């Protein structure tokens, strides 16, 4: 099984505190232990940018978070752009769909409502962490 985790899931898994229970972290742990989890350079860059700008995390905390994530996922270069599906509302989501297609992912897990409305892209099924967890149980 090959899974792509969107930035939204990675942030939800580890923010604000690493020491409290968190559903997204449970999904992250499950996926990284039971599947090949793939993240691209663009997800890394977006994660670092959002953690710094929107969440005001320190550089040290961001680097520690990224070190933890990269120890448990496969990192690939950002794939070339693809043609957007007609139903895609946010063109900024194209790189995540391109990644899912490029690695032939079984699942894309995201909290992004624009991606979730697609439900599927090619052979990749798009789930929220909750829906993925319910389907895997």
Protein backbone atom coordinates (compact mmCIF):
# COMPACT_ATOMS: atom_id res chain seq x y z
CA UNK A 1 0.00 0.00 0.00
CA UNK A 2 1.32 3.44 -0.95
CA UNK A 3 -0.02 6.56 0.78
CA UNK A 4 0.51 10.29 0.25
CA UNK A 5 -0.01 12.49 3.30
CA UNK A 6 -0.94 16.11 2.61
CA UNK A 7 0.58 19.00 4.54
CA UNK A 8 -2.68 19.52 6.43
CA UNK A 9 -2.43 16.04 7.99
CA UNK A 10 1.24 16.45 8.89
CA UNK A 11 0.57 19.76 10.63
CA UNK A 12 -2.49 18.42 12.45
CA UNK A 13 -0.49 15.41 13.61
CA UNK A 14 2.11 17.46 15.44
CA UNK A 15 0.64 20.84 16.33
CA UNK A 16 0.38 22.32 18.90
CA UNK A 17 1.92 19.80 21.31
CA UNK A 18 3.65 16.48 20.83
CA UNK A 19 2.63 15.24 24.28
CA UNK A 20 -1.17 15.15 23.99
CA UNK A 21 -3.42 12.64 22.21
CA UNK A 22 -4.11 13.50 18.58
CA UNK A 23 -6.17 11.61 16.00
CA UNK A 24 -4.11 12.81 13.02
CA UNK A 25 -0.95 11.61 14.77
CA UNK A 26 -2.52 8.18 15.22
CA UNK A 27 -3.21 8.04 11.47
CA UNK A 28 0.36 9.21 10.75
CA UNK A 29 1.74 6.48 13.02
CA UNK A 30 -0.48 3.80 11.48
CA UNK A 31 0.30 4.76 7.89
CA UNK A 32 4.05 5.11 8.39
CA UNK A 33 4.20 1.70 10.08
CA UNK A 34 1.94 -0.20 7.69
CA UNK A 35 2.45 1.39 4.28
CA UNK A 36 4.94 3.22 2.15
CA UNK A 37 4.26 6.84 2.95
CA UNK A 38 5.40 9.37 0.33
CA UNK A 39 5.99 13.10 0.70
CA UNK A 40 7.44 15.47 -1.90
CA UNK A 41 9.70 18.49 -1.75
CA UNK A 42 6.70 20.78 -2.24
CA UNK A 43 4.95 19.28 0.81
CA UNK A 44 8.13 19.76 2.85
CA UNK A 45 8.38 23.38 1.72
CA UNK A 46 4.72 24.10 2.42
CA UNK A 47 4.97 22.46 5.84
CA UNK A 48 7.97 24.56 6.83
CA UNK A 49 6.39 27.75 5.46
CA UNK A 50 3.06 27.26 7.25
CA UNK A 51 4.73 26.27 10.51
CA UNK A 52 6.86 29.42 10.42
CA UNK A 53 4.38 31.97 9.06
CA UNK A 54 0.97 30.87 10.30
CA UNK A 55 1.84 28.85 13.40
CA UNK A 56 4.84 30.95 14.39
CA UNK A 57 6.95 27.92 15.29
CA UNK A 58 10.62 28.44 15.98
CA UNK A 59 13.14 27.36 13.37
CA UNK A 60 14.45 24.71 15.79
CA UNK A 61 10.99 23.24 16.35
CA UNK A 62 10.28 23.16 12.60
CA UNK A 63 13.57 21.39 11.91
CA UNK A 64 12.88 18.89 14.71
CA UNK A 65 9.41 18.23 13.32
CA UNK A 66 10.77 17.75 9.80
CA UNK A 67 13.51 15.42 11.08
CA UNK A 68 10.86 13.25 12.73
CA UNK A 69 8.66 13.19 9.62
CA UNK A 70 11.47 12.45 7.17
CA UNK A 71 12.66 9.54 9.31
CA UNK A 72 9.33 7.80 8.64
CA UNK A 73 8.46 8.72 5.03
CA UNK A 74 9.90 8.41 1.54
CA UNK A 75 10.77 11.82 0.10
CA UNK A 76 10.59 12.31 -3.65
CA UNK A 77 11.16 15.33 -5.90
CA UNK A 78 8.08 17.34 -6.77
CA UNK A 79 6.69 15.81 -9.97
CA UNK A 80 5.89 17.86 -13.09
CA UNK A 81 2.53 19.64 -13.28
CA UNK A 82 -0.45 17.72 -14.58
CA UNK A 83 -3.73 18.68 -16.19
CA UNK A 84 -6.20 19.67 -13.51
CA UNK A 85 -9.40 17.68 -13.15
CA UNK A 86 -12.43 19.79 -14.07
CA UNK A 87 -13.83 19.61 -10.54
CA UNK A 88 -10.66 20.91 -8.87
CA UNK A 89 -11.47 24.25 -7.23
CA UNK A 90 -7.96 25.17 -6.01
CA UNK A 91 -5.12 25.06 -8.53
CA UNK A 92 -2.64 25.12 -5.63
CA UNK A 93 -3.63 21.48 -5.02
CA UNK A 94 -2.19 20.33 -8.37
CA UNK A 95 1.24 19.38 -6.95
CA UNK A 96 -0.32 16.98 -4.42
CA UNK A 97 -2.41 15.34 -7.15
CA UNK A 98 0.66 15.14 -9.39
CA UNK A 99 2.53 13.42 -6.57
CA UNK A 100 -0.26 10.89 -6.02
CA UNK A 101 -0.29 10.10 -9.76
CA UNK A 102 3.51 9.99 -10.09
CA UNK A 103 3.99 7.49 -7.26
CA UNK A 104 0.83 5.53 -8.13
CA UNK A 105 -0.56 6.06 -4.63
CA UNK A 106 -3.40 3.94 -3.36
CA UNK A 107 -4.52 6.70 -1.00
CA UNK A 108 -4.18 10.43 -0.51
CA UNK A 109 -4.99 11.48 3.05
CA UNK A 110 -5.87 15.13 3.56
CA UNK A 111 -8.01 17.57 5.51
CA UNK A 112 -8.25 19.82 2.40
CA UNK A 113 -11.93 20.11 1.47
CA UNK A 114 -11.13 20.93 -2.16
CA UNK A 115 -9.25 17.64 -2.52
CA UNK A 116 -11.79 15.66 -0.50
CA UNK A 117 -14.61 16.69 -2.86
CA UNK A 118 -12.79 14.85 -5.68
CA UNK A 119 -13.04 11.54 -3.73
CA UNK A 120 -10.71 9.89 -6.24
CA UNK A 121 -8.03 10.93 -8.70
CA UNK A 122 -7.06 8.25 -11.19
CA UNK A 123 -6.70 5.15 -9.05
CA UNK A 124 -5.89 7.14 -5.88
CA UNK A 125 -8.71 7.24 -3.35
CA UNK A 126 -8.84 10.51 -1.40
CA UNK A 127 -9.75 10.25 2.27
CA UNK A 128 -9.84 12.43 5.34
CA UNK A 129 -7.86 10.91 8.21
CA UNK A 130 -11.16 9.88 9.84
CA UNK A 131 -12.50 8.20 6.71
CA UNK A 132 -9.18 6.44 6.13
CA UNK A 133 -9.14 5.20 9.73
CA UNK A 134 -12.72 3.93 9.46
CA UNK A 135 -11.94 2.10 6.19
CA UNK A 136 -8.74 0.56 7.59
CA UNK A 137 -10.40 -0.69 10.79
